[in-house]
Amino acid sequence: MRYYSPTSIQSRLTSLRNRHFMTSRKIDTESKKPNPDGFLLQELKRRRLKLKDEITGYSLI
């Protein structure tokens, strides 16, 4: 089993949360456009869910 220091885990979580937040903002911005790009929204939502899953995985450590 691999050992991760609490500092490196916290740093990774901070990075993931920031990316999750920025992805959510991109989704909001795209959704408010008069003609939103459905494919882009789908891809952003998929990315946000993947980030959320990874954040949740770290909280189980």
N, C-alpha and C. Protein backbone atom coordinates (compact mmCIF):
# COMPACT_ATOMS: atom_id res chain seq x y z
N MET A 1 0.84 -1.18 0.00
CA MET A 1 0.00 0.00 0.00
C MET A 1 0.89 1.24 0.00
N ARG A 2 0.48 2.22 -0.73
CA ARG A 2 1.25 3.45 -0.86
C ARG A 2 0.88 4.42 0.25
N TYR A 3 1.87 5.13 0.78
CA TYR A 3 1.64 6.11 1.84
C TYR A 3 1.66 7.52 1.25
N TYR A 4 0.66 8.29 1.57
CA TYR A 4 0.60 9.69 1.16
C TYR A 4 0.60 10.55 2.41
N SER A 5 1.43 11.57 2.42
CA SER A 5 1.47 12.45 3.58
C SER A 5 0.18 13.27 3.63
N PRO A 6 -0.24 13.64 4.83
CA PRO A 6 -1.45 14.46 4.95
C PRO A 6 -1.34 15.77 4.16
N THR A 7 -0.15 16.32 4.07
CA THR A 7 0.04 17.55 3.32
C THR A 7 -0.19 17.34 1.83
N SER A 8 0.31 16.23 1.30
CA SER A 8 0.11 15.98 -0.14
C SER A 8 -1.35 15.67 -0.44
N ILE A 9 -2.02 14.98 0.46
CA ILE A 9 -3.45 14.70 0.26
C ILE A 9 -4.24 16.00 0.30
N GLN A 10 -3.94 16.85 1.27
CA GLN A 10 -4.64 18.13 1.37
C GLN A 10 -4.40 18.99 0.14
N SER A 11 -3.19 18.98 -0.34
CA SER A 11 -2.85 19.75 -1.54
C SER A 11 -3.63 19.23 -2.74
N ARG A 12 -3.69 17.93 -2.89
CA ARG A 12 -4.43 17.32 -4.00
C ARG A 12 -5.92 17.63 -3.90
N LEU A 13 -6.47 17.55 -2.69
CA LEU A 13 -7.89 17.87 -2.49
C LEU A 13 -8.18 19.32 -2.84
N THR A 14 -7.31 20.21 -2.45
CA THR A 14 -7.48 21.63 -2.78
C THR A 14 -7.50 21.83 -4.29
N SER A 15 -6.57 21.19 -4.96
CA SER A 15 -6.51 21.28 -6.42
C SER A 15 -7.78 20.73 -7.06
N LEU A 16 -8.23 19.57 -6.60
CA LEU A 16 -9.44 18.97 -7.16
C LEU A 16 -10.67 19.83 -6.91
N ARG A 17 -10.77 20.41 -5.72
CA ARG A 17 -11.92 21.27 -5.40
C ARG A 17 -11.92 22.52 -6.26
N ASN A 18 -10.74 23.08 -6.48
CA ASN A 18 -10.64 24.26 -7.35
C ASN A 18 -11.06 23.93 -8.77
N ARG A 19 -10.60 22.80 -9.28
CA ARG A 19 -10.97 22.38 -10.63
C ARG A 19 -12.47 22.10 -10.72
N HIS A 20 -13.04 21.50 -9.67
CA HIS A 20 -14.47 21.23 -9.63
C HIS A 20 -15.25 22.54 -9.67
N PHE A 21 -14.82 23.51 -8.87
CA PHE A 21 -15.48 24.82 -8.82
C PHE A 21 -15.41 25.52 -10.18
N MET A 22 -14.23 25.51 -10.80
CA MET A 22 -14.06 26.17 -12.10
C MET A 22 -14.89 25.48 -13.18
N THR A 23 -14.98 24.17 -13.12
CA THR A 23 -15.81 23.44 -14.08
C THR A 23 -17.28 23.79 -13.89
N SER A 24 -17.71 23.93 -12.64
CA SER A 24 -19.10 24.33 -12.36
C SER A 24 -19.38 25.72 -12.92
N ARG A 25 -18.42 26.62 -12.79
CA ARG A 25 -18.59 27.97 -13.33
C ARG A 25 -18.69 27.94 -14.85
N LYS A 26 -17.89 27.08 -15.50
CA LYS A 26 -17.96 26.96 -16.96
C LYS A 26 -19.33 26.42 -17.38
N ILE A 27 -19.86 25.47 -16.61
CA ILE A 27 -21.19 24.92 -16.90
C ILE A 27 -22.23 26.02 -16.78
N ASP A 28 -22.17 26.81 -15.71
CA ASP A 28 -23.12 27.90 -15.52
C ASP A 28 -23.05 28.90 -16.66
N THR A 29 -21.83 29.27 -17.05
CA THR A 29 -21.64 30.24 -18.12
C THR A 29 -22.20 29.71 -19.44
N GLU A 30 -21.89 28.48 -19.75
CA GLU A 30 -22.38 27.89 -21.01
C GLU A 30 -23.90 27.74 -20.99
N SER A 31 -24.45 27.36 -19.85
CA SER A 31 -25.90 27.16 -19.73
C SER A 31 -26.68 28.45 -19.94
N LYS A 32 -26.07 29.57 -19.60
CA LYS A 32 -26.76 30.87 -19.71
C LYS A 32 -26.68 31.48 -21.10
N LYS A 33 -25.91 30.87 -21.98
CA LYS A 33 -25.82 31.38 -23.35
C LYS A 33 -27.15 31.15 -24.06
N PRO A 34 -27.48 32.03 -25.01
CA PRO A 34 -28.74 31.87 -25.76
C PRO A 34 -28.83 30.53 -26.50
N ASN A 35 -27.69 30.07 -27.00
CA ASN A 35 -27.67 28.80 -27.72
C ASN A 35 -26.51 27.95 -27.16
N PRO A 36 -26.71 27.32 -25.98
CA PRO A 36 -25.61 26.57 -25.36
C PRO A 36 -25.21 25.35 -26.19
N ASP A 37 -23.94 25.03 -26.10
CA ASP A 37 -23.38 23.87 -26.80
C ASP A 37 -23.66 22.63 -25.94
N GLY A 38 -24.59 21.82 -26.37
CA GLY A 38 -24.99 20.63 -25.62
C GLY A 38 -23.86 19.64 -25.42
N PHE A 39 -23.04 19.47 -26.46
CA PHE A 39 -21.92 18.54 -26.35
C PHE A 39 -20.92 19.03 -25.30
N LEU A 40 -20.62 20.33 -25.32
CA LEU A 40 -19.70 20.90 -24.34
C LEU A 40 -20.25 20.76 -22.93
N LEU A 41 -21.54 21.05 -22.76
CA LEU A 41 -22.16 20.90 -21.44
C LEU A 41 -22.07 19.46 -20.94
N GLN A 42 -22.33 18.53 -21.81
CA GLN A 42 -22.25 17.12 -21.44
C GLN A 42 -20.84 16.76 -21.01
N GLU A 43 -19.85 17.22 -21.76
CA GLU A 43 -18.46 16.93 -21.43
C GLU A 43 -18.05 17.59 -20.11
N LEU A 44 -18.47 18.83 -19.88
CA LEU A 44 -18.14 19.52 -18.63
C LEU A 44 -18.79 18.83 -17.43
N LYS A 45 -20.03 18.41 -17.60
CA LYS A 45 -20.72 17.72 -16.50
C LYS A 45 -20.07 16.38 -16.20
N ARG A 46 -19.63 15.70 -17.23
CA ARG A 46 -18.93 14.42 -17.04
C ARG A 46 -17.62 14.66 -16.27
N ARG A 47 -16.89 15.71 -16.67
CA ARG A 47 -15.64 16.05 -16.01
C ARG A 47 -15.87 16.42 -14.54
N ARG A 48 -16.93 17.21 -14.29
CA ARG A 48 -17.24 17.61 -12.92
C ARG A 48 -17.58 16.40 -12.05
N LEU A 49 -18.33 15.46 -12.59
CA LEU A 49 -18.68 14.26 -11.84
C LEU A 49 -17.44 13.42 -11.55
N LYS A 50 -16.54 13.32 -12.51
CA LYS A 50 -15.29 12.58 -12.29
C LYS A 50 -14.47 13.23 -11.18
N LEU A 51 -14.41 14.55 -11.18
CA LEU A 51 -13.69 15.26 -10.12
C LEU A 51 -14.34 15.02 -8.76
N LYS A 52 -15.68 15.06 -8.72
CA LYS A 52 -16.40 14.81 -7.48
C LYS A 52 -16.12 13.41 -6.95
N ASP A 53 -16.11 12.44 -7.84
CA ASP A 53 -15.82 11.06 -7.44
C ASP A 53 -14.40 10.94 -6.87
N GLU A 54 -13.45 11.64 -7.49
CA GLU A 54 -12.08 11.59 -7.00
C GLU A 54 -11.96 12.27 -5.63
N ILE A 55 -12.67 13.38 -5.46
CA ILE A 55 -12.67 14.08 -4.16
C ILE A 55 -13.25 13.17 -3.09
N THR A 56 -14.34 12.50 -3.41
CA THR A 56 -14.99 11.59 -2.47
C THR A 56 -14.04 10.43 -2.12
N GLY A 57 -13.31 9.94 -3.10
CA GLY A 57 -12.37 8.86 -2.87
C GLY A 57 -11.29 9.24 -1.87
N TYR A 58 -10.83 10.47 -1.93
CA TYR A 58 -9.82 10.93 -0.97
C TYR A 58 -10.39 11.05 0.44
N SER A 59 -11.64 11.36 0.55
CA SER A 59 -12.23 11.50 1.89
C SER A 59 -12.41 10.14 2.57
N LEU A 60 -12.29 9.06 1.79
CA LEU A 60 -12.40 7.71 2.36
C LEU A 60 -11.06 7.21 2.90
N ILE A 61 -9.97 7.92 2.58
CA ILE A 61 -8.64 7.50 3.04
C ILE A 61 -8.48 7.79 4.51
